[in-house]
């Protein structure tokens, strides 16, 4: 995505990931649970190759808020931070 504002994913409720992003039978995440929110974002940011997945599953404002808490591979974190400066300062 070009900007974090494009990321218009939900901020509450339950989200189910498509099987192509997570093969586990437990693919639902309650966004009200901070640990489940982090796990959802970690999986989406690591696994997706589709901009539509990012737009529909990740919320830009929430991503900025939790960025430092996410357990991401270094290349994923670096790619996001190089594209979105706001995350470097988050």
N, C-alpha and C. Protein backbone atom coordinates (compact mmCIF):
# COMPACT_ATOMS: atom_id res chain seq x y z
N UNK A 1 0.83 -1.19 0.00
CA UNK A 1 0.00 0.00 0.00
C UNK A 1 0.88 1.25 0.00
N UNK A 2 0.33 2.30 -0.53
CA UNK A 2 1.10 3.55 -0.59
C UNK A 2 1.09 4.31 0.72
N UNK A 3 -0.06 4.31 1.39
CA UNK A 3 -0.17 5.02 2.67
C UNK A 3 -0.85 4.14 3.70
N UNK A 4 -0.60 4.45 4.95
CA UNK A 4 -1.24 3.70 6.03
C UNK A 4 -2.73 3.99 6.09
N UNK A 5 -3.15 5.15 5.59
CA UNK A 5 -4.58 5.47 5.62
C UNK A 5 -5.39 4.57 4.70
N UNK A 6 -4.75 3.92 3.74
CA UNK A 6 -5.43 2.95 2.88
C UNK A 6 -5.85 1.71 3.65
N UNK A 7 -5.18 1.47 4.76
CA UNK A 7 -5.46 0.26 5.54
C UNK A 7 -6.70 0.51 6.38
N UNK A 8 -7.82 0.02 5.90
CA UNK A 8 -9.11 0.33 6.50
C UNK A 8 -9.75 -0.89 7.15
N UNK A 9 -8.93 -1.78 7.66
CA UNK A 9 -9.44 -2.98 8.30
C UNK A 9 -10.22 -2.67 9.57
N UNK A 10 -10.89 -3.66 10.09
CA UNK A 10 -11.73 -3.46 11.28
C UNK A 10 -10.90 -3.12 12.52
N UNK A 11 -11.55 -2.47 13.46
CA UNK A 11 -10.91 -2.14 14.73
C UNK A 11 -11.56 -2.86 15.91
N UNK A 12 -12.65 -3.55 15.63
CA UNK A 12 -13.32 -4.33 16.69
C UNK A 12 -14.04 -5.50 16.06
N UNK A 13 -14.45 -6.41 16.92
CA UNK A 13 -15.16 -7.58 16.44
C UNK A 13 -14.23 -8.76 16.23
N UNK A 14 -14.74 -9.74 15.51
CA UNK A 14 -14.00 -10.98 15.24
C UNK A 14 -13.67 -11.04 13.76
N UNK A 15 -12.43 -11.38 13.46
CA UNK A 15 -11.95 -11.47 12.07
C UNK A 15 -11.52 -12.90 11.81
N UNK A 16 -11.91 -13.42 10.66
CA UNK A 16 -11.45 -14.76 10.25
C UNK A 16 -10.52 -14.61 9.06
N UNK A 17 -9.32 -15.15 9.22
CA UNK A 17 -8.35 -15.10 8.12
C UNK A 17 -8.68 -16.17 7.09
N UNK A 18 -8.45 -15.88 5.82
CA UNK A 18 -8.61 -16.91 4.80
C UNK A 18 -7.54 -17.99 4.98
N UNK A 19 -7.87 -19.19 4.57
CA UNK A 19 -6.96 -20.32 4.75
C UNK A 19 -5.62 -20.09 4.05
N UNK A 20 -5.59 -19.31 2.98
CA UNK A 20 -4.32 -19.06 2.28
C UNK A 20 -3.36 -18.25 3.14
N UNK A 21 -3.87 -17.54 4.16
CA UNK A 21 -3.01 -16.78 5.05
C UNK A 21 -2.67 -17.54 6.32
N UNK A 22 -3.52 -18.48 6.69
CA UNK A 22 -3.28 -19.25 7.91
C UNK A 22 -3.94 -20.61 7.78
N UNK A 23 -3.12 -21.63 7.81
CA UNK A 23 -3.63 -22.98 7.60
C UNK A 23 -4.22 -23.59 8.86
N UNK A 24 -3.99 -23.00 9.99
CA UNK A 24 -4.50 -23.49 11.25
C UNK A 24 -6.03 -23.52 11.21
N UNK A 25 -6.63 -24.48 11.90
CA UNK A 25 -8.09 -24.54 11.95
C UNK A 25 -8.65 -23.38 12.78
N UNK A 26 -7.86 -22.85 13.70
CA UNK A 26 -8.27 -21.69 14.50
C UNK A 26 -7.78 -20.42 13.79
N UNK A 27 -8.62 -19.90 12.91
CA UNK A 27 -8.24 -18.73 12.11
C UNK A 27 -9.06 -17.49 12.47
N UNK A 28 -9.76 -17.54 13.59
CA UNK A 28 -10.56 -16.38 13.99
C UNK A 28 -9.85 -15.64 15.13
N UNK A 29 -9.96 -14.33 15.10
CA UNK A 29 -9.27 -13.47 16.05
C UNK A 29 -10.23 -12.43 16.59
N UNK A 30 -10.28 -12.31 17.91
CA UNK A 30 -11.09 -11.29 18.56
C UNK A 30 -10.23 -10.04 18.72
N UNK A 31 -10.56 -8.99 18.00
CA UNK A 31 -9.75 -7.78 18.03
C UNK A 31 -9.78 -7.07 19.37
N UNK A 32 -10.71 -7.44 20.24
CA UNK A 32 -10.76 -6.89 21.58
C UNK A 32 -9.72 -7.49 22.51
N UNK A 33 -9.12 -8.59 22.10
CA UNK A 33 -8.06 -9.25 22.88
C UNK A 33 -6.72 -8.79 22.32
N UNK A 34 -5.94 -8.03 23.09
CA UNK A 34 -4.68 -7.49 22.57
C UNK A 34 -3.73 -8.55 22.00
N UNK A 35 -3.65 -9.71 22.62
CA UNK A 35 -2.77 -10.76 22.11
C UNK A 35 -3.26 -11.30 20.77
N UNK A 36 -4.57 -11.46 20.63
CA UNK A 36 -5.11 -11.95 19.36
C UNK A 36 -4.94 -10.91 18.25
N UNK A 37 -5.09 -9.65 18.60
CA UNK A 37 -4.87 -8.58 17.62
C UNK A 37 -3.44 -8.63 17.09
N UNK A 38 -2.46 -8.74 17.99
CA UNK A 38 -1.06 -8.81 17.57
C UNK A 38 -0.82 -10.03 16.70
N UNK A 39 -1.37 -11.16 17.09
CA UNK A 39 -1.17 -12.39 16.33
C UNK A 39 -1.76 -12.27 14.92
N UNK A 40 -2.93 -11.68 14.84
CA UNK A 40 -3.56 -11.45 13.53
C UNK A 40 -2.66 -10.59 12.65
N UNK A 41 -2.22 -9.45 13.17
CA UNK A 41 -1.39 -8.54 12.37
C UNK A 41 -0.08 -9.20 11.98
N UNK A 42 0.54 -9.91 12.90
CA UNK A 42 1.80 -10.60 12.58
C UNK A 42 1.61 -11.58 11.43
N UNK A 43 0.54 -12.34 11.48
CA UNK A 43 0.27 -13.31 10.41
C UNK A 43 0.00 -12.63 9.08
N UNK A 44 -0.82 -11.62 9.09
CA UNK A 44 -1.16 -10.94 7.83
C UNK A 44 0.08 -10.28 7.23
N UNK A 45 0.84 -9.56 8.04
CA UNK A 45 2.02 -8.85 7.51
C UNK A 45 3.09 -9.82 7.00
N UNK A 46 3.20 -10.97 7.62
CA UNK A 46 4.19 -11.97 7.18
C UNK A 46 3.73 -12.74 5.95
N UNK A 47 2.46 -13.05 5.85
CA UNK A 47 2.00 -14.04 4.88
C UNK A 47 1.38 -13.48 3.60
N UNK A 48 0.76 -12.33 3.66
CA UNK A 48 0.03 -11.89 2.47
C UNK A 48 0.95 -11.35 1.38
N UNK A 49 0.49 -11.53 0.17
CA UNK A 49 1.15 -10.92 -0.99
C UNK A 49 0.15 -10.03 -1.73
N UNK A 50 -1.01 -9.83 -1.13
CA UNK A 50 -2.09 -9.08 -1.78
C UNK A 50 -2.39 -7.77 -1.05
N UNK A 51 -2.37 -6.69 -1.78
CA UNK A 51 -2.69 -5.39 -1.19
C UNK A 51 -4.11 -5.37 -0.64
N UNK A 52 -5.03 -6.07 -1.29
CA UNK A 52 -6.41 -6.11 -0.80
C UNK A 52 -6.50 -6.73 0.58
N UNK A 53 -5.70 -7.76 0.85
CA UNK A 53 -5.68 -8.35 2.19
C UNK A 53 -5.29 -7.30 3.22
N UNK A 54 -4.25 -6.55 2.91
CA UNK A 54 -3.80 -5.52 3.84
C UNK A 54 -4.88 -4.48 4.07
N UNK A 55 -5.50 -4.02 3.00
CA UNK A 55 -6.54 -2.99 3.12
C UNK A 55 -7.74 -3.48 3.93
N UNK A 56 -8.09 -4.74 3.79
CA UNK A 56 -9.29 -5.27 4.44
C UNK A 56 -9.05 -5.81 5.85
N UNK A 57 -7.83 -6.22 6.16
CA UNK A 57 -7.57 -6.89 7.43
C UNK A 57 -6.78 -6.06 8.43
N UNK A 58 -6.06 -5.05 7.97
CA UNK A 58 -5.21 -4.24 8.85
C UNK A 58 -5.74 -2.81 8.87
N UNK A 59 -5.78 -2.23 10.04
CA UNK A 59 -6.20 -0.85 10.20
C UNK A 59 -4.94 0.00 10.43
N UNK A 60 -4.76 1.03 9.61
CA UNK A 60 -3.54 1.84 9.67
C UNK A 60 -3.30 2.48 11.02
N UNK A 61 -4.33 3.04 11.61
CA UNK A 61 -4.18 3.69 12.92
C UNK A 61 -3.80 2.66 13.99
N UNK A 62 -4.44 1.50 13.94
CA UNK A 62 -4.12 0.44 14.89
C UNK A 62 -2.70 -0.07 14.66
N UNK A 63 -2.32 -0.22 13.41
CA UNK A 63 -0.97 -0.69 13.10
C UNK A 63 0.07 0.25 13.69
N UNK A 64 -0.10 1.54 13.57
CA UNK A 64 0.85 2.49 14.17
C UNK A 64 0.91 2.32 15.68
N UNK A 65 -0.24 2.09 16.30
CA UNK A 65 -0.30 1.97 17.76
C UNK A 65 0.43 0.73 18.26
N UNK A 66 0.34 -0.38 17.53
CA UNK A 66 0.91 -1.65 18.02
C UNK A 66 2.24 -2.01 17.35
N UNK A 67 2.73 -1.18 16.46
CA UNK A 67 3.89 -1.52 15.62
C UNK A 67 5.06 -2.09 16.43
N UNK A 68 5.46 -1.43 17.48
CA UNK A 68 6.63 -1.87 18.26
C UNK A 68 6.37 -3.17 19.02
N UNK A 69 5.13 -3.54 19.18
CA UNK A 69 4.80 -4.77 19.91
C UNK A 69 4.78 -6.00 19.01
N UNK A 70 4.77 -5.79 17.71
CA UNK A 70 4.66 -6.90 16.76
C UNK A 70 5.97 -7.67 16.65
N UNK A 71 5.86 -8.98 16.66
CA UNK A 71 7.01 -9.87 16.48
C UNK A 71 7.09 -10.21 14.99
N UNK A 72 7.92 -9.47 14.29
CA UNK A 72 8.03 -9.62 12.83
C UNK A 72 9.46 -9.96 12.45
N UNK A 73 9.63 -10.73 11.38
CA UNK A 73 10.98 -10.95 10.86
C UNK A 73 11.60 -9.60 10.46
N UNK A 74 12.88 -9.46 10.67
CA UNK A 74 13.57 -8.21 10.37
C UNK A 74 13.29 -7.70 8.95
N UNK A 75 13.35 -8.57 7.91
CA UNK A 75 13.09 -8.05 6.56
C UNK A 75 11.67 -7.48 6.39
N UNK A 76 10.70 -8.08 7.06
CA UNK A 76 9.32 -7.57 6.98
C UNK A 76 9.25 -6.20 7.65
N UNK A 77 9.81 -6.10 8.84
CA UNK A 77 9.79 -4.82 9.56
C UNK A 77 10.52 -3.74 8.76
N UNK A 78 11.68 -4.06 8.23
CA UNK A 78 12.45 -3.08 7.46
C UNK A 78 11.70 -2.63 6.20
N UNK A 79 11.06 -3.57 5.53
CA UNK A 79 10.30 -3.21 4.32
C UNK A 79 9.17 -2.25 4.66
N UNK A 80 8.45 -2.54 5.71
CA UNK A 80 7.34 -1.66 6.10
C UNK A 80 7.85 -0.30 6.54
N UNK A 81 8.91 -0.27 7.34
CA UNK A 81 9.42 1.00 7.83
C UNK A 81 10.04 1.85 6.71
N UNK A 82 10.62 1.21 5.72
CA UNK A 82 11.18 1.99 4.62
C UNK A 82 10.08 2.58 3.74
N UNK A 83 8.95 1.92 3.69
CA UNK A 83 7.83 2.40 2.87
C UNK A 83 6.95 3.40 3.63
N UNK A 84 6.88 3.22 4.95
CA UNK A 84 5.98 4.04 5.78
C UNK A 84 6.78 4.65 6.93
N UNK A 85 7.23 5.86 6.76
CA UNK A 85 8.06 6.53 7.76
C UNK A 85 7.41 6.63 9.13
N UNK A 86 6.11 6.76 9.16
CA UNK A 86 5.40 6.91 10.44
C UNK A 86 5.64 5.71 11.34
N UNK A 87 5.90 4.55 10.76
CA UNK A 87 6.13 3.36 11.58
C UNK A 87 7.50 3.42 12.26
N UNK A 88 8.46 4.06 11.64
CA UNK A 88 9.78 4.19 12.26
C UNK A 88 9.70 4.97 13.56
N UNK A 89 8.83 5.94 13.59
CA UNK A 89 8.69 6.78 14.78
C UNK A 89 7.67 6.24 15.77
N UNK A 90 6.96 5.20 15.38
CA UNK A 90 5.89 4.66 16.24
C UNK A 90 6.45 4.04 17.51
